[in-house]
Protein backbone atom coordinates (compact mmCIF):
# COMPACT_ATOMS: atom_id res chain seq x y z
CA UNK A 1 -34.06 -22.07 49.09
CA UNK A 2 -34.41 -21.22 52.75
CA UNK A 3 -36.13 -18.42 53.88
CA UNK A 4 -36.12 -16.68 57.48
CA UNK A 5 -37.61 -14.05 59.59
CA UNK A 6 -36.39 -12.15 61.93
CA UNK A 7 -36.93 -10.86 65.43
CA UNK A 8 -35.04 -7.86 67.59
CA UNK A 9 -35.55 -7.77 71.48
CA UNK A 10 -34.23 -5.28 73.63
CA UNK A 11 -33.62 -6.85 77.05
CA UNK A 12 -32.76 -4.67 79.53
CA UNK A 13 -33.04 -6.16 82.90
CA UNK A 14 -31.96 -4.38 86.06
CA UNK A 15 -31.71 -6.78 88.64
CA UNK A 16 -28.85 -8.63 90.57
CA UNK A 17 -26.68 -11.56 88.64
CA UNK A 18 -28.58 -14.40 89.75
CA UNK A 19 -31.89 -13.03 88.86
CA UNK A 20 -30.82 -11.74 85.41
CA UNK A 21 -29.49 -15.07 84.46
CA UNK A 22 -32.66 -16.69 85.56
CA UNK A 23 -34.56 -14.13 83.83
CA UNK A 24 -32.78 -14.41 80.78
CA UNK A 25 -32.70 -18.06 80.55
CA UNK A 26 -36.58 -17.89 80.80
CA UNK A 27 -36.96 -15.30 78.22
CA UNK A 28 -34.45 -17.24 75.55
CA UNK A 29 -36.03 -20.48 76.16
CA UNK A 30 -39.44 -18.90 75.62
CA UNK A 31 -38.35 -17.71 72.45
CA UNK A 32 -36.42 -21.09 71.67
CA UNK A 33 -40.03 -22.92 72.14
CA UNK A 34 -41.39 -20.37 69.59
CA UNK A 35 -38.95 -21.44 67.18
CA UNK A 36 -36.58 -18.40 67.57
CA UNK A 37 -33.01 -19.30 67.25
CA UNK A 38 -30.53 -16.91 68.84
CA UNK A 39 -28.21 -15.17 65.83
CA UNK A 40 -26.61 -12.40 67.47
CA UNK A 41 -26.03 -9.97 70.74
CA UNK A 42 -25.02 -6.49 70.39
CA UNK A 43 -25.13 -4.91 74.17
CA UNK A 44 -28.82 -5.46 74.95
CA UNK A 45 -29.89 -5.93 71.52
CA UNK A 46 -30.51 -9.81 70.92
CA UNK A 47 -31.04 -10.74 67.34
CA UNK A 48 -33.25 -13.84 66.44
CA UNK A 49 -34.32 -15.50 63.46
CA UNK A 50 -36.25 -18.84 62.31
CA UNK A 51 -36.85 -20.35 59.20
CA UNK A 52 -40.42 -19.70 57.32
CA UNK A 53 -42.27 -22.75 56.15
CA UNK A 54 -43.49 -22.77 52.94
């Protein structure tokens, strides 16, 4: 059975739209390289999960 770990990130970034998009993209790509997959968003709260290797 697959097992997962979870991470919650509060991403409150106050920039103009272009800088916001670049900053969020960089942050999401960084987490993706660590194996985190975005699984949900609720306002400024981003939920991630990644599979735990047995």
